[in-house]
Amino acid sequence: MPTEAEILEENRKVRRLQVVVDLVTNLLLQSDLPIEEASELVAETRRFALGLFPDKEQTYDLLYQSRFRRLLAEKYRLV
């Protein structure tokens, strides 16, 4: 059973990830970045998330990767 300190640390990491994902999402929506830079920003966000949660690659892909893929497809009219 996790300790209170472990739970607090996990919650802190989740909040950090949520802030980063929200910032990147807003940046992608509000800027005129070239698609290459936007794609690199998404890749960096994934690396950041996996740095916080190394064993949660599938979870990240389910929660965030599809959202970023959809956002990029809509913004850059990718098929």
N, C-alpha and C. Protein backbone atom coordinates (compact mmCIF):
# COMPACT_ATOMS: atom_id res chain seq x y z
N MET A 1 0.85 -1.18 0.00
CA MET A 1 0.00 0.00 0.00
C MET A 1 0.89 1.25 0.00
N PRO A 2 0.62 2.19 -0.90
CA PRO A 2 1.46 3.38 -0.98
C PRO A 2 1.31 4.27 0.26
N THR A 3 2.41 4.92 0.59
CA THR A 3 2.38 5.84 1.72
C THR A 3 1.72 7.15 1.29
N GLU A 4 1.41 7.97 2.27
CA GLU A 4 0.81 9.27 1.96
C GLU A 4 1.78 10.12 1.13
N ALA A 5 3.06 10.04 1.44
CA ALA A 5 4.07 10.80 0.68
C ALA A 5 4.12 10.33 -0.77
N GLU A 6 4.01 9.03 -0.99
CA GLU A 6 4.02 8.51 -2.37
C GLU A 6 2.78 8.96 -3.14
N ILE A 7 1.66 8.97 -2.47
CA ILE A 7 0.42 9.43 -3.11
C ILE A 7 0.52 10.91 -3.45
N LEU A 8 1.04 11.71 -2.54
CA LEU A 8 1.21 13.14 -2.80
C LEU A 8 2.16 13.38 -3.97
N GLU A 9 3.23 12.61 -4.03
CA GLU A 9 4.20 12.75 -5.13
C GLU A 9 3.55 12.36 -6.46
N GLU A 10 2.79 11.29 -6.46
CA GLU A 10 2.10 10.87 -7.67
C GLU A 10 1.11 11.95 -8.13
N ASN A 11 0.38 12.51 -7.20
CA ASN A 11 -0.56 13.59 -7.54
C ASN A 11 0.16 14.81 -8.09
N ARG A 12 1.31 15.13 -7.52
CA ARG A 12 2.10 16.26 -8.00
C ARG A 12 2.55 16.03 -9.43
N LYS A 13 3.00 14.82 -9.73
CA LYS A 13 3.44 14.50 -11.09
C LYS A 13 2.27 14.55 -12.07
N VAL A 14 1.12 14.08 -11.66
CA VAL A 14 -0.06 14.13 -12.52
C VAL A 14 -0.43 15.57 -12.83
N ARG A 15 -0.40 16.43 -11.82
CA ARG A 15 -0.72 17.85 -12.04
C ARG A 15 0.29 18.50 -12.99
N ARG A 16 1.57 18.19 -12.81
CA ARG A 16 2.60 18.74 -13.71
C ARG A 16 2.33 18.33 -15.15
N LEU A 17 2.01 17.06 -15.34
CA LEU A 17 1.73 16.57 -16.69
C LEU A 17 0.50 17.26 -17.27
N GLN A 18 -0.55 17.41 -16.47
CA GLN A 18 -1.76 18.07 -16.95
C GLN A 18 -1.48 19.51 -17.37
N VAL A 19 -0.66 20.21 -16.60
CA VAL A 19 -0.31 21.59 -16.93
C VAL A 19 0.45 21.64 -18.25
N VAL A 20 1.42 20.75 -18.42
CA VAL A 20 2.22 20.73 -19.65
C VAL A 20 1.33 20.39 -20.85
N VAL A 21 0.50 19.39 -20.72
CA VAL A 21 -0.39 19.00 -21.83
C VAL A 21 -1.33 20.16 -22.18
N ASP A 22 -1.88 20.82 -21.18
CA ASP A 22 -2.76 21.96 -21.45
C ASP A 22 -2.01 23.10 -22.14
N LEU A 23 -0.79 23.38 -21.68
CA LEU A 23 0.00 24.44 -22.31
C LEU A 23 0.32 24.11 -23.76
N VAL A 24 0.74 22.88 -24.01
CA VAL A 24 1.07 22.48 -25.37
C VAL A 24 -0.17 22.52 -26.25
N THR A 25 -1.28 22.04 -25.74
CA THR A 25 -2.52 22.07 -26.51
C THR A 25 -2.89 23.50 -26.89
N ASN A 26 -2.83 24.40 -25.93
CA ASN A 26 -3.16 25.80 -26.20
C ASN A 26 -2.17 26.43 -27.17
N LEU A 27 -0.90 26.12 -27.02
CA LEU A 27 0.11 26.65 -27.94
C LEU A 27 -0.16 26.16 -29.36
N LEU A 28 -0.46 24.89 -29.50
CA LEU A 28 -0.74 24.35 -30.83
C LEU A 28 -1.98 25.00 -31.45
N LEU A 29 -2.99 25.23 -30.64
CA LEU A 29 -4.23 25.82 -31.15
C LEU A 29 -4.08 27.29 -31.50
N GLN A 30 -3.25 28.01 -30.76
CA GLN A 30 -3.20 29.46 -30.89
C GLN A 30 -2.02 29.98 -31.70
N SER A 31 -1.12 29.12 -32.11
CA SER A 31 0.08 29.60 -32.81
C SER A 31 0.07 29.14 -34.26
N ASP A 32 0.98 29.70 -35.00
CA ASP A 32 1.16 29.33 -36.40
C ASP A 32 2.46 28.56 -36.59
N LEU A 33 2.73 27.64 -35.69
CA LEU A 33 3.94 26.84 -35.80
C LEU A 33 3.91 26.00 -37.07
N PRO A 34 5.06 25.84 -37.71
CA PRO A 34 5.12 24.87 -38.81
C PRO A 34 4.82 23.47 -38.26
N ILE A 35 4.31 22.61 -39.10
CA ILE A 35 3.93 21.27 -38.64
C ILE A 35 5.11 20.51 -38.04
N GLU A 36 6.32 20.74 -38.56
CA GLU A 36 7.50 20.05 -38.02
C GLU A 36 7.74 20.45 -36.56
N GLU A 37 7.62 21.74 -36.27
CA GLU A 37 7.82 22.21 -34.89
C GLU A 37 6.68 21.73 -33.99
N ALA A 38 5.48 21.74 -34.50
CA ALA A 38 4.34 21.26 -33.71
C ALA A 38 4.51 19.77 -33.39
N SER A 39 4.94 19.00 -34.36
CA SER A 39 5.16 17.56 -34.14
C SER A 39 6.27 17.33 -33.13
N GLU A 40 7.32 18.13 -33.19
CA GLU A 40 8.42 18.00 -32.23
C GLU A 40 7.95 18.37 -30.83
N LEU A 41 7.10 19.36 -30.72
CA LEU A 41 6.55 19.75 -29.42
C LEU A 41 5.72 18.61 -28.83
N VAL A 42 4.95 17.95 -29.66
CA VAL A 42 4.17 16.79 -29.20
C VAL A 42 5.11 15.67 -28.76
N ALA A 43 6.16 15.43 -29.52
CA ALA A 43 7.12 14.38 -29.16
C ALA A 43 7.83 14.71 -27.85
N GLU A 44 8.18 15.98 -27.65
CA GLU A 44 8.82 16.39 -26.40
C GLU A 44 7.87 16.23 -25.21
N THR A 45 6.61 16.50 -25.44
CA THR A 45 5.62 16.32 -24.39
C THR A 45 5.52 14.85 -23.99
N ARG A 46 5.57 13.98 -24.96
CA ARG A 46 5.54 12.54 -24.68
C ARG A 46 6.77 12.12 -23.89
N ARG A 47 7.95 12.62 -24.29
CA ARG A 47 9.18 12.30 -23.55
C ARG A 47 9.09 12.81 -22.11
N PHE A 48 8.54 14.00 -21.94
CA PHE A 48 8.37 14.56 -20.60
C PHE A 48 7.47 13.65 -19.76
N ALA A 49 6.35 13.24 -20.33
CA ALA A 49 5.40 12.38 -19.62
C ALA A 49 6.04 11.06 -19.23
N LEU A 50 6.78 10.47 -20.16
CA LEU A 50 7.40 9.18 -19.86
C LEU A 50 8.56 9.33 -18.89
N GLY A 51 9.13 10.52 -18.79
CA GLY A 51 10.12 10.78 -17.75
C GLY A 51 9.48 10.78 -16.37
N LEU A 52 8.27 11.29 -16.30
CA LEU A 52 7.53 11.29 -15.02
C LEU A 52 6.98 9.90 -14.70
N PHE A 53 6.49 9.22 -15.73
CA PHE A 53 5.83 7.92 -15.57
C PHE A 53 6.43 6.92 -16.56
N PRO A 54 7.62 6.41 -16.29
CA PRO A 54 8.33 5.58 -17.27
C PRO A 54 7.59 4.32 -17.71
N ASP A 55 6.77 3.77 -16.88
CA ASP A 55 6.10 2.51 -17.21
C ASP A 55 4.68 2.71 -17.73
N LYS A 56 4.33 3.93 -18.10
CA LYS A 56 2.95 4.23 -18.49
C LYS A 56 2.82 4.68 -19.94
N GLU A 57 3.61 4.10 -20.82
CA GLU A 57 3.59 4.48 -22.23
C GLU A 57 2.21 4.26 -22.85
N GLN A 58 1.62 3.11 -22.61
CA GLN A 58 0.30 2.82 -23.18
C GLN A 58 -0.77 3.77 -22.65
N THR A 59 -0.68 4.09 -21.38
CA THR A 59 -1.64 5.02 -20.79
C THR A 59 -1.52 6.39 -21.43
N TYR A 60 -0.29 6.85 -21.62
CA TYR A 60 -0.08 8.15 -22.29
C TYR A 60 -0.69 8.11 -23.69
N ASP A 61 -0.38 7.05 -24.42
CA ASP A 61 -0.88 6.95 -25.79
C ASP A 61 -2.41 6.98 -25.83
N LEU A 62 -3.04 6.30 -24.90
CA LEU A 62 -4.51 6.28 -24.86
C LEU A 62 -5.09 7.64 -24.50
N LEU A 63 -4.48 8.31 -23.53
CA LEU A 63 -5.05 9.56 -23.04
C LEU A 63 -4.68 10.78 -23.86
N TYR A 64 -3.43 10.84 -24.29
CA TYR A 64 -2.94 12.09 -24.87
C TYR A 64 -2.52 12.00 -26.33
N GLN A 65 -1.90 10.91 -26.73
CA GLN A 65 -1.38 10.84 -28.09
C GLN A 65 -2.49 10.97 -29.13
N SER A 66 -3.61 10.32 -28.87
CA SER A 66 -4.72 10.42 -29.83
C SER A 66 -5.26 11.85 -29.87
N ARG A 67 -5.29 12.52 -28.74
CA ARG A 67 -5.75 13.91 -28.70
C ARG A 67 -4.82 14.80 -29.53
N PHE A 68 -3.51 14.65 -29.36
CA PHE A 68 -2.56 15.45 -30.13
C PHE A 68 -2.63 15.11 -31.62
N ARG A 69 -2.77 13.83 -31.93
CA ARG A 69 -2.86 13.42 -33.33
C ARG A 69 -4.08 14.07 -34.00
N ARG A 70 -5.20 14.04 -33.31
CA ARG A 70 -6.43 14.64 -33.83
C ARG A 70 -6.27 16.16 -33.99
N LEU A 71 -5.67 16.79 -33.00
CA LEU A 71 -5.47 18.24 -33.05
C LEU A 71 -4.58 18.62 -34.23
N LEU A 72 -3.48 17.90 -34.42
CA LEU A 72 -2.58 18.20 -35.54
C LEU A 72 -3.27 17.94 -36.87
N ALA A 73 -4.04 16.88 -36.95
CA ALA A 73 -4.74 16.56 -38.20
C ALA A 73 -5.74 17.66 -38.56
N GLU A 74 -6.45 18.16 -37.57
CA GLU A 74 -7.42 19.22 -37.83
C GLU A 74 -6.74 20.53 -38.19
N LYS A 75 -5.72 20.88 -37.43
CA LYS A 75 -5.05 22.17 -37.65
C LYS A 75 -4.32 22.22 -38.98
N TYR A 76 -3.65 21.14 -39.34
CA TYR A 76 -2.83 21.12 -40.55
C TYR A 76 -3.51 20.40 -41.70
N ARG A 77 -4.78 20.07 -41.52
CA ARG A 77 -5.60 19.42 -42.55
C ARG A 77 -4.93 18.16 -43.10
N LEU A 78 -4.51 17.32 -42.18
CA LEU A 78 -3.90 16.05 -42.56
C LEU A 78 -4.99 15.00 -42.71
N VAL A 79 -4.79 14.08 -43.60
CA VAL A 79 -5.79 13.03 -43.82
C VAL A 79 -5.27 11.72 -43.28
